Every structure is written in structure tokens, then in C-alpha cells.
């Protein structure tokens, strides 16, 4: 399912899991919480609570593929990618690396700390393998980089009958990650192969990863 990004398959998985489990998993990855970033005005991504689906069972399937009342920010999806890259742990996002006084003396250095444990190392490892298959033989081949194992997942959200949001999340090098990326190109005109995440968002993600690796940020 993941390799070829089959929506009907993911919809069935959502129905099999049920509303309670599906909602709990989303919360575990940080949905419905504002990430504790060191900037004001951080938006939260949303996923309906289990009670929302009590009389709306078909919407469980829609929510399982990120449609209907589900919303996500690029930051949230970058954190999802980072969780799979980091054995299930989501680190606290931040922009501050260090603070210095007006003489250039170091006052404070940011100390990395976990925010959430989204899933188990075993599950993260399985998803890592599947996300690598997205790049080698699935919908994300356009993000492939010679000599570098990349793990990715494409996303294509039809927001209206003529507008599409094209997504991709990725991390690399897949077996010892140093970078996780999320890109969204919102409100693209057209619905079809030309506006999918694997076609439109992949080149953006590929360029970011390549720039990072070119700067010497290999493990």
C-alpha cells in the first residue's frame, strides 16, 4: 500500500483499525497539539477525536488518507518524518541554536530534548523500509539521489474539484538519517498525475536534501 500510495487500501486500513485507534495514533504523532517551538503563533494540525466518527463511519476511511476534517502543517509533517527517522521519537522543534551577548560571548546553547514518543522502534524500522521502497519502486522515484538511500512518502490532497495540494515527506540517508524534510505546494490548478506529490513536491525535497548533503552534513 505505502509503496504505490493506494488510497482505497489506506481507507480500509483505517476502517480495520477503527476510530479510537486511528485518532489515538494521530495524537501520538502530535496532531491536535501545538508543537512546543521557540517561536510564537505555532499552528496545530487537526485530526477528529474518536467521538466525531460515532455516526460517521465512512469518514474514518477518508480521515485515514488525510481528507475530510484532517489538516496538517508542513512542520507537523516534518515531525512525522523525523519520528520514523529517529526510531519513533519526535524531538522538540526549535530554531534557536545558541544565544550570545553583545560581546559575542556564549550565553546559552540549545539542548535537544524529546517531545513525543510516537511509535516503537520496530514499527519505525518497518516504515523506514517501506518508505525506501516508495523511492526505489513507488510513487516517489523523482526524489531518488544516486548513492544515497532516501525514504519518502508522497501525498496528494484534492481540496476542490480543480485544486490540489501536493505533498512529500522524506529523510536521508535512510539508514542513518541526518535530515527530515516536508514540502507542500498548495492550491495547484488541476487534478491528476501532473499535480501529485511525487511529481511536483519531489524535486523540491530532493533539492533540499542534496543541498544539505553537499554542505557536508552526511552522518
C-alpha atoms as a PDB file:
ATOM      1  CA  UNK A   1       0.000   0.000   0.000  1.00  0.00           C
ATOM      2  CA  UNK A   2       2.659   2.516   1.018  1.00  0.00           C
ATOM      3  CA  UNK A   3       4.874   1.916  -1.999  1.00  0.00           C
ATOM      4  CA  UNK A   4       2.166   2.707  -4.527  1.00  0.00           C
ATOM      5  CA  UNK A   5       0.198   5.115  -2.263  1.00  0.00           C
ATOM      6  CA  UNK A   6      -3.129   3.314  -2.610  1.00  0.00           C
ATOM      7  CA  UNK A   7      -5.865   5.460  -1.050  1.00  0.00           C
ATOM      8  CA  UNK A   8      -8.521   2.754  -1.053  1.00  0.00           C
ATOM      9  CA  UNK A   9      -6.137   0.426   0.734  1.00  0.00           C
ATOM     10  CA  UNK A  10      -5.325   3.005   3.400  1.00  0.00           C
ATOM     11  CA  UNK A  11      -9.034   3.725   3.776  1.00  0.00           C
ATOM     12  CA  UNK A  12      -9.642   0.050   4.505  1.00  0.00           C
ATOM     13  CA  UNK A  13      -6.753   0.017   6.991  1.00  0.00           C
ATOM     14  CA  UNK A  14      -8.380   2.940   8.766  1.00  0.00           C
ATOM     15  CA  UNK A  15     -11.690   1.115   8.961  1.00  0.00           C
ATOM     16  CA  UNK A  16      -9.957  -2.021  10.222  1.00  0.00           C
ATOM     17  CA  UNK A  17      -8.165  -0.058  12.943  1.00  0.00           C
ATOM     18  CA  UNK A  18     -11.299   1.800  13.968  1.00  0.00           C
ATOM     19  CA  UNK A  19     -11.855   5.383  15.011  1.00  0.00           C
ATOM     20  CA  UNK A  20     -10.440   5.013  18.520  1.00  0.00           C
ATOM     21  CA  UNK A  21      -7.083   3.591  17.426  1.00  0.00           C
ATOM     22  CA  UNK A  22      -6.772   5.860  14.402  1.00  0.00           C
ATOM     23  CA  UNK A  23      -7.374   9.010  16.447  1.00  0.00           C
ATOM     24  CA  UNK A  24      -5.022   7.864  19.200  1.00  0.00           C
ATOM     25  CA  UNK A  25      -2.245   7.248  16.661  1.00  0.00           C
ATOM     26  CA  UNK A  26      -2.699  10.724  15.200  1.00  0.00           C
ATOM     27  CA  UNK A  27      -2.493  12.279  18.678  1.00  0.00           C
ATOM     28  CA  UNK A  28       0.634  10.227  19.345  1.00  0.00           C
ATOM     29  CA  UNK A  29       2.314  11.912  16.389  1.00  0.00           C
ATOM     30  CA  UNK A  30       1.374  15.379  17.625  1.00  0.00           C
ATOM     31  CA  UNK A  31      -1.910  16.147  15.918  1.00  0.00           C
ATOM     32  CA  UNK A  32      -4.262  18.418  17.919  1.00  0.00           C
ATOM     33  CA  UNK A  33      -1.269  19.802  19.824  1.00  0.00           C
ATOM     34  CA  UNK A  34       0.717  22.928  19.051  1.00  0.00           C
ATOM     35  CA  UNK A  35       4.357  21.853  18.733  1.00  0.00           C
ATOM     36  CA  UNK A  36       6.348  23.479  21.580  1.00  0.00           C
ATOM     37  CA  UNK A  37       8.535  25.557  19.295  1.00  0.00           C
ATOM     38  CA  UNK A  38      10.537  28.582  20.408  1.00  0.00           C
ATOM     39  CA  UNK A  39       8.502  30.916  18.196  1.00  0.00           C
ATOM     40  CA  UNK A  40       5.051  32.439  18.802  1.00  0.00           C
ATOM     41  CA  UNK A  41       1.944  31.530  16.847  1.00  0.00           C
ATOM     42  CA  UNK A  42       2.704  27.897  16.053  1.00  0.00           C
ATOM     43  CA  UNK A  43      -0.363  26.288  14.469  1.00  0.00           C
ATOM     44  CA  UNK A  44      -1.643  22.886  15.440  1.00  0.00           C
ATOM     45  CA  UNK A  45      -2.614  20.198  12.977  1.00  0.00           C
ATOM     46  CA  UNK A  46      -6.001  18.573  13.465  1.00  0.00           C
ATOM     47  CA  UNK A  47      -7.448  15.083  13.465  1.00  0.00           C
ATOM     48  CA  UNK A  48     -11.018  14.367  14.633  1.00  0.00           C
ATOM     49  CA  UNK A  49     -11.486  12.704  18.032  1.00  0.00           C
ATOM     50  CA  UNK A  50     -12.951   9.210  18.071  1.00  0.00           C
ATOM     51  CA  UNK A  51     -16.326  10.561  19.162  1.00  0.00           C
ATOM     52  CA  UNK A  52     -16.596  12.516  15.897  1.00  0.00           C
ATOM     53  CA  UNK A  53     -16.934   9.264  13.961  1.00  0.00           C
ATOM     54  CA  UNK A  54     -19.762   7.778  16.069  1.00  0.00           C
ATOM     55  CA  UNK A  55     -22.376   8.353  13.350  1.00  0.00           C
ATOM     56  CA  UNK A  56     -19.904   8.973  10.525  1.00  0.00           C
ATOM     57  CA  UNK A  57     -18.183   5.636   9.913  1.00  0.00           C
ATOM     58  CA  UNK A  58     -17.351   6.345   6.224  1.00  0.00           C
ATOM     59  CA  UNK A  59     -15.324   9.357   7.351  1.00  0.00           C
ATOM     60  CA  UNK A  60     -12.929   7.041   9.173  1.00  0.00           C
ATOM     61  CA  UNK A  61     -11.733   5.907   5.751  1.00  0.00           C
ATOM     62  CA  UNK A  62     -11.470   9.481   4.491  1.00  0.00           C
ATOM     63  CA  UNK A  63      -9.549  10.564   7.574  1.00  0.00           C
ATOM     64  CA  UNK A  64      -7.158   7.628   7.189  1.00  0.00           C
ATOM     65  CA  UNK A  65      -5.929   9.209   3.938  1.00  0.00           C
ATOM     66  CA  UNK A  66      -5.833  12.740   5.355  1.00  0.00           C
ATOM     67  CA  UNK A  67      -9.061  14.012   3.813  1.00  0.00           C
ATOM     68  CA  UNK A  68     -12.302  15.411   5.289  1.00  0.00           C
ATOM     69  CA  UNK A  69     -11.637  17.203   8.636  1.00  0.00           C
ATOM     70  CA  UNK A  70      -7.907  16.391   8.789  1.00  0.00           C
ATOM     71  CA  UNK A  71      -5.428  19.244   8.430  1.00  0.00           C
ATOM     72  CA  UNK A  72      -1.645  19.278   8.673  1.00  0.00           C
ATOM     73  CA  UNK A  73       1.080  21.900   8.636  1.00  0.00           C
ATOM     74  CA  UNK A  74       4.460  21.377   6.965  1.00  0.00           C
ATOM     75  CA  UNK A  75       6.056  21.483  10.423  1.00  0.00           C
ATOM     76  CA  UNK A  76       3.795  18.689  11.639  1.00  0.00           C
ATOM     77  CA  UNK A  77       4.587  16.513   8.657  1.00  0.00           C
ATOM     78  CA  UNK A  78       8.323  17.172   9.020  1.00  0.00           C
ATOM     79  CA  UNK A  79       7.971  15.957  12.607  1.00  0.00           C
ATOM     80  CA  UNK A  80       6.183  12.827  11.370  1.00  0.00           C
ATOM     81  CA  UNK A  81       9.099  12.143   9.010  1.00  0.00           C
ATOM     82  CA  UNK A  82      11.572  12.792  11.820  1.00  0.00           C
ATOM     83  CA  UNK A  83       9.778  10.324  14.093  1.00  0.00           C
ATOM     84  CA  UNK A  84      10.243   7.490  11.609  1.00  0.00           C
ATOM     85  CA  UNK A  85      13.846   8.557  11.025  1.00  0.00           C
ATOM     86  CA  UNK A  86      14.578   8.653  14.771  1.00  0.00           C
ATOM     87  CA  UNK A  87      13.198   5.279  15.882  1.00  0.00           C
ATOM     88  CA  UNK A  88       9.775   6.641  16.785  1.00  0.00           C
ATOM     89  CA  UNK A  89      10.846   9.689  18.815  1.00  0.00           C
ATOM     90  CA  UNK A  90       9.839  13.253  17.928  1.00  0.00           C
ATOM     91  CA  UNK A  91      12.357  15.763  19.208  1.00  0.00           C
ATOM     92  CA  UNK A  92      11.206  19.222  20.323  1.00  0.00           C
ATOM     93  CA  UNK A  93      11.369  21.517  17.286  1.00  0.00           C
ATOM     94  CA  UNK A  94      13.408  24.698  17.639  1.00  0.00           C
ATOM     95  CA  UNK A  95      15.092  27.470  15.669  1.00  0.00           C
ATOM     96  CA  UNK A  96      17.457  28.714  18.376  1.00  0.00           C
ATOM     97  CA  UNK A  97      20.899  27.141  18.244  1.00  0.00           C
ATOM     98  CA  UNK A  98      22.634  29.433  20.701  1.00  0.00           C
ATOM     99  CA  UNK A  99      22.394  32.879  22.278  1.00  0.00           C
ATOM    100  CA  UNK A 100      25.342  35.268  22.580  1.00  0.00           C
ATOM    101  CA  UNK A 101      25.677  38.635  24.276  1.00  0.00           C
ATOM    102  CA  UNK A 102      26.715  41.855  22.529  1.00  0.00           C
ATOM    103  CA  UNK A 103      30.354  40.893  23.032  1.00  0.00           C
ATOM    104  CA  UNK A 104      29.899  37.593  21.293  1.00  0.00           C
ATOM    105  CA  UNK A 105      30.165  35.550  24.461  1.00  0.00           C
ATOM    106  CA  UNK A 106      28.080  32.390  24.615  1.00  0.00           C
ATOM    107  CA  UNK A 107      25.130  32.759  26.971  1.00  0.00           C
ATOM    108  CA  UNK A 108      23.097  29.671  26.204  1.00  0.00           C
ATOM    109  CA  UNK A 109      23.212  26.668  23.893  1.00  0.00           C
ATOM    110  CA  UNK A 110      20.075  24.792  22.923  1.00  0.00           C
ATOM    111  CA  UNK A 111      19.917  21.322  24.422  1.00  0.00           C
ATOM    112  CA  UNK A 112      17.938  18.837  22.290  1.00  0.00           C
ATOM    113  CA  UNK A 113      15.108  17.100  24.120  1.00  0.00           C
ATOM    114  CA  UNK A 114      12.340  14.675  23.151  1.00  0.00           C
ATOM    115  CA  UNK A 115       8.783  15.901  22.746  1.00  0.00           C
ATOM    116  CA  UNK A 116       6.788  12.734  21.999  1.00  0.00           C
ATOM    117  CA  UNK A 117       7.341   9.023  21.531  1.00  0.00           C
ATOM    118  CA  UNK A 118       5.115   8.488  18.524  1.00  0.00           C
ATOM    119  CA  UNK A 119       5.700   4.793  17.883  1.00  0.00           C
ATOM    120  CA  UNK A 120       8.012   1.907  18.675  1.00  0.00           C
ATOM    121  CA  UNK A 121      11.488   1.433  17.155  1.00  0.00           C
ATOM    122  CA  UNK A 122      10.251  -1.765  15.483  1.00  0.00           C
ATOM    123  CA  UNK A 123       7.338  -0.006  13.793  1.00  0.00           C
ATOM    124  CA  UNK A 124       9.545   2.924  12.790  1.00  0.00           C
ATOM    125  CA  UNK A 125      12.017   0.478  11.266  1.00  0.00           C
ATOM    126  CA  UNK A 126       9.300  -1.214   9.231  1.00  0.00           C
ATOM    127  CA  UNK A 127       8.040   2.131   7.965  1.00  0.00           C
ATOM    128  CA  UNK A 128      11.582   3.191   7.122  1.00  0.00           C
ATOM    129  CA  UNK A 129      11.932   0.141   4.881  1.00  0.00           C
ATOM    130  CA  UNK A 130       8.557   0.789   3.248  1.00  0.00           C
ATOM    131  CA  UNK A 131       9.361   4.465   2.695  1.00  0.00           C
ATOM    132  CA  UNK A 132      12.594   3.476   0.978  1.00  0.00           C
ATOM    133  CA  UNK A 133      10.542   1.297  -1.375  1.00  0.00           C
ATOM    134  CA  UNK A 134       8.451   4.384  -2.252  1.00  0.00           C
ATOM    135  CA  UNK A 135      11.638   5.900  -3.671  1.00  0.00           C
ATOM    136  CA  UNK A 136      13.083   2.807  -5.323  1.00  0.00           C
ATOM    137  CA  UNK A 137       9.929   1.427  -6.902  1.00  0.00           C
ATOM    138  CA  UNK A 138       6.886   3.510  -5.971  1.00  0.00           C
ATOM    139  CA  UNK A 139       5.377   6.966  -6.275  1.00  0.00           C
ATOM    140  CA  UNK A 140       8.479   8.827  -5.065  1.00  0.00           C
ATOM    141  CA  UNK A 141      11.118   7.841  -7.618  1.00  0.00           C
ATOM    142  CA  UNK A 142      11.670  11.509  -8.539  1.00  0.00           C
ATOM    143  CA  UNK A 143      13.284  12.153  -5.139  1.00  0.00           C
ATOM    144  CA  UNK A 144      15.953   9.465  -5.638  1.00  0.00           C
ATOM    145  CA  UNK A 145      19.564  10.609  -5.236  1.00  0.00           C
ATOM    146  CA  UNK A 146      22.375   8.437  -6.663  1.00  0.00           C
ATOM    147  CA  UNK A 147      24.441   6.870  -3.923  1.00  0.00           C
ATOM    148  CA  UNK A 148      22.083   7.969  -1.137  1.00  0.00           C
ATOM    149  CA  UNK A 149      19.275   5.891   0.381  1.00  0.00           C
ATOM    150  CA  UNK A 150      16.229   8.161   0.655  1.00  0.00           C
ATOM    151  CA  UNK A 151      12.973   7.279   2.444  1.00  0.00           C
ATOM    152  CA  UNK A 152       9.858   9.196   1.433  1.00  0.00           C
ATOM    153  CA  UNK A 153       6.075   9.284   1.253  1.00  0.00           C
ATOM    154  CA  UNK A 154       4.052  11.185  -1.306  1.00  0.00           C
ATOM    155  CA  UNK A 155       0.717  12.867  -0.665  1.00  0.00           C
ATOM    156  CA  UNK A 156      -1.860  14.392  -2.976  1.00  0.00           C
ATOM    157  CA  UNK A 157      -4.897  16.132  -1.466  1.00  0.00           C
ATOM    158  CA  UNK A 158      -7.721  17.234  -3.730  1.00  0.00           C
ATOM    159  CA  UNK A 159      -9.020  20.297  -1.880  1.00  0.00           C
ATOM    160  CA  UNK A 160     -11.600  21.204  -4.542  1.00  0.00           C
ATOM    161  CA  UNK A 161     -12.632  19.728  -7.871  1.00  0.00           C
ATOM    162  CA  UNK A 162      -9.921  21.796  -9.571  1.00  0.00           C
ATOM    163  CA  UNK A 163      -7.296  22.425  -6.854  1.00  0.00           C
ATOM    164  CA  UNK A 164      -4.696  20.111  -5.349  1.00  0.00           C
ATOM    165  CA  UNK A 165      -2.180  20.261  -2.510  1.00  0.00           C
ATOM    166  CA  UNK A 166       0.934  18.270  -3.436  1.00  0.00           C
ATOM    167  CA  UNK A 167       2.963  16.844  -0.513  1.00  0.00           C
ATOM    168  CA  UNK A 168       6.095  14.897   0.168  1.00  0.00           C
ATOM    169  CA  UNK A 169       7.924  13.981   3.358  1.00  0.00           C
ATOM    170  CA  UNK A 170      11.351  12.367   3.329  1.00  0.00           C
ATOM    171  CA  UNK A 171      14.511  11.710   5.271  1.00  0.00           C
ATOM    172  CA  UNK A 172      18.067  10.735   4.374  1.00  0.00           C
ATOM    173  CA  UNK A 173      20.390   8.920   4.437  1.00  0.00           C
ATOM    174  CA  UNK A 174      17.697   6.409   5.281  1.00  0.00           C
ATOM    175  CA  UNK A 175      19.873   4.055   7.329  1.00  0.00           C
ATOM    176  CA  UNK A 176      21.489   6.835   9.389  1.00  0.00           C
ATOM    177  CA  UNK A 177      19.336   9.952   8.896  1.00  0.00           C
ATOM    178  CA  UNK A 178      20.627  13.485   9.359  1.00  0.00           C
ATOM    179  CA  UNK A 179      17.782  15.405   7.703  1.00  0.00           C
ATOM    180  CA  UNK A 180      13.980  15.175   7.574  1.00  0.00           C
ATOM    181  CA  UNK A 181      12.019  17.307   5.133  1.00  0.00           C
ATOM    182  CA  UNK A 182       8.389  18.148   4.403  1.00  0.00           C
ATOM    183  CA  UNK A 183       7.240  20.120   1.371  1.00  0.00           C
ATOM    184  CA  UNK A 184       3.767  21.159   0.260  1.00  0.00           C
ATOM    185  CA  UNK A 185       2.771  23.040  -2.856  1.00  0.00           C
ATOM    186  CA  UNK A 186      -0.754  24.250  -2.029  1.00  0.00           C
ATOM    187  CA  UNK A 187      -3.589  25.148  -4.353  1.00  0.00           C
ATOM    188  CA  UNK A 188      -2.150  23.820  -7.579  1.00  0.00           C
ATOM    189  CA  UNK A 189      -4.501  24.109 -10.526  1.00  0.00           C
ATOM    190  CA  UNK A 190      -5.520  20.727 -11.832  1.00  0.00           C
ATOM    191  CA  UNK A 191      -6.347  17.288 -10.504  1.00  0.00           C
ATOM    192  CA  UNK A 192      -4.378  14.390 -11.925  1.00  0.00           C
ATOM    193  CA  UNK A 193      -0.918  13.000 -12.444  1.00  0.00           C
ATOM    194  CA  UNK A 194       0.651  16.384 -13.167  1.00  0.00           C
ATOM    195  CA  UNK A 195      -0.139  17.730  -9.678  1.00  0.00           C
ATOM    196  CA  UNK A 196       0.774  14.756  -7.484  1.00  0.00           C
ATOM    197  CA  UNK A 197       3.266  14.994  -4.650  1.00  0.00           C
ATOM    198  CA  UNK A 198       5.525  12.517  -6.395  1.00  0.00           C
ATOM    199  CA  UNK A 199       5.744  14.755  -9.464  1.00  0.00           C
ATOM    200  CA  UNK A 200       5.598  18.302  -8.087  1.00  0.00           C
ATOM    201  CA  UNK A 201       6.851  18.177  -4.481  1.00  0.00           C
ATOM    202  CA  UNK A 202       9.594  15.588  -5.027  1.00  0.00           C
ATOM    203  CA  UNK A 203      12.012  17.920  -6.879  1.00  0.00           C
ATOM    204  CA  UNK A 204      11.775  20.439  -4.013  1.00  0.00           C
ATOM    205  CA  UNK A 205      12.542  17.810  -1.388  1.00  0.00           C
ATOM    206  CA  UNK A 206      15.341  16.351  -3.499  1.00  0.00           C
ATOM    207  CA  UNK A 207      16.983  19.774  -3.860  1.00  0.00           C
ATOM    208  CA  UNK A 208      16.853  20.402  -0.103  1.00  0.00           C
ATOM    209  CA  UNK A 209      18.398  17.018   0.724  1.00  0.00           C
ATOM    210  CA  UNK A 210      21.077  17.427  -1.926  1.00  0.00           C
ATOM    211  CA  UNK A 211      21.991  20.890  -0.602  1.00  0.00           C
ATOM    212  CA  UNK A 212      22.245  19.513   2.935  1.00  0.00           C
ATOM    213  CA  UNK A 213      24.471  16.631   1.888  1.00  0.00           C
ATOM    214  CA  UNK A 214      26.592  18.868  -0.333  1.00  0.00           C
ATOM    215  CA  UNK A 215      27.264  21.078   2.706  1.00  0.00           C
ATOM    216  CA  UNK A 216      28.912  18.100   4.332  1.00  0.00           C
ATOM    217  CA  UNK A 217      26.005  17.017   6.510  1.00  0.00           C
ATOM    218  CA  UNK A 218      26.449  13.306   5.986  1.00  0.00           C
ATOM    219  CA  UNK A 219      26.426  11.051   9.061  1.00  0.00           C
END
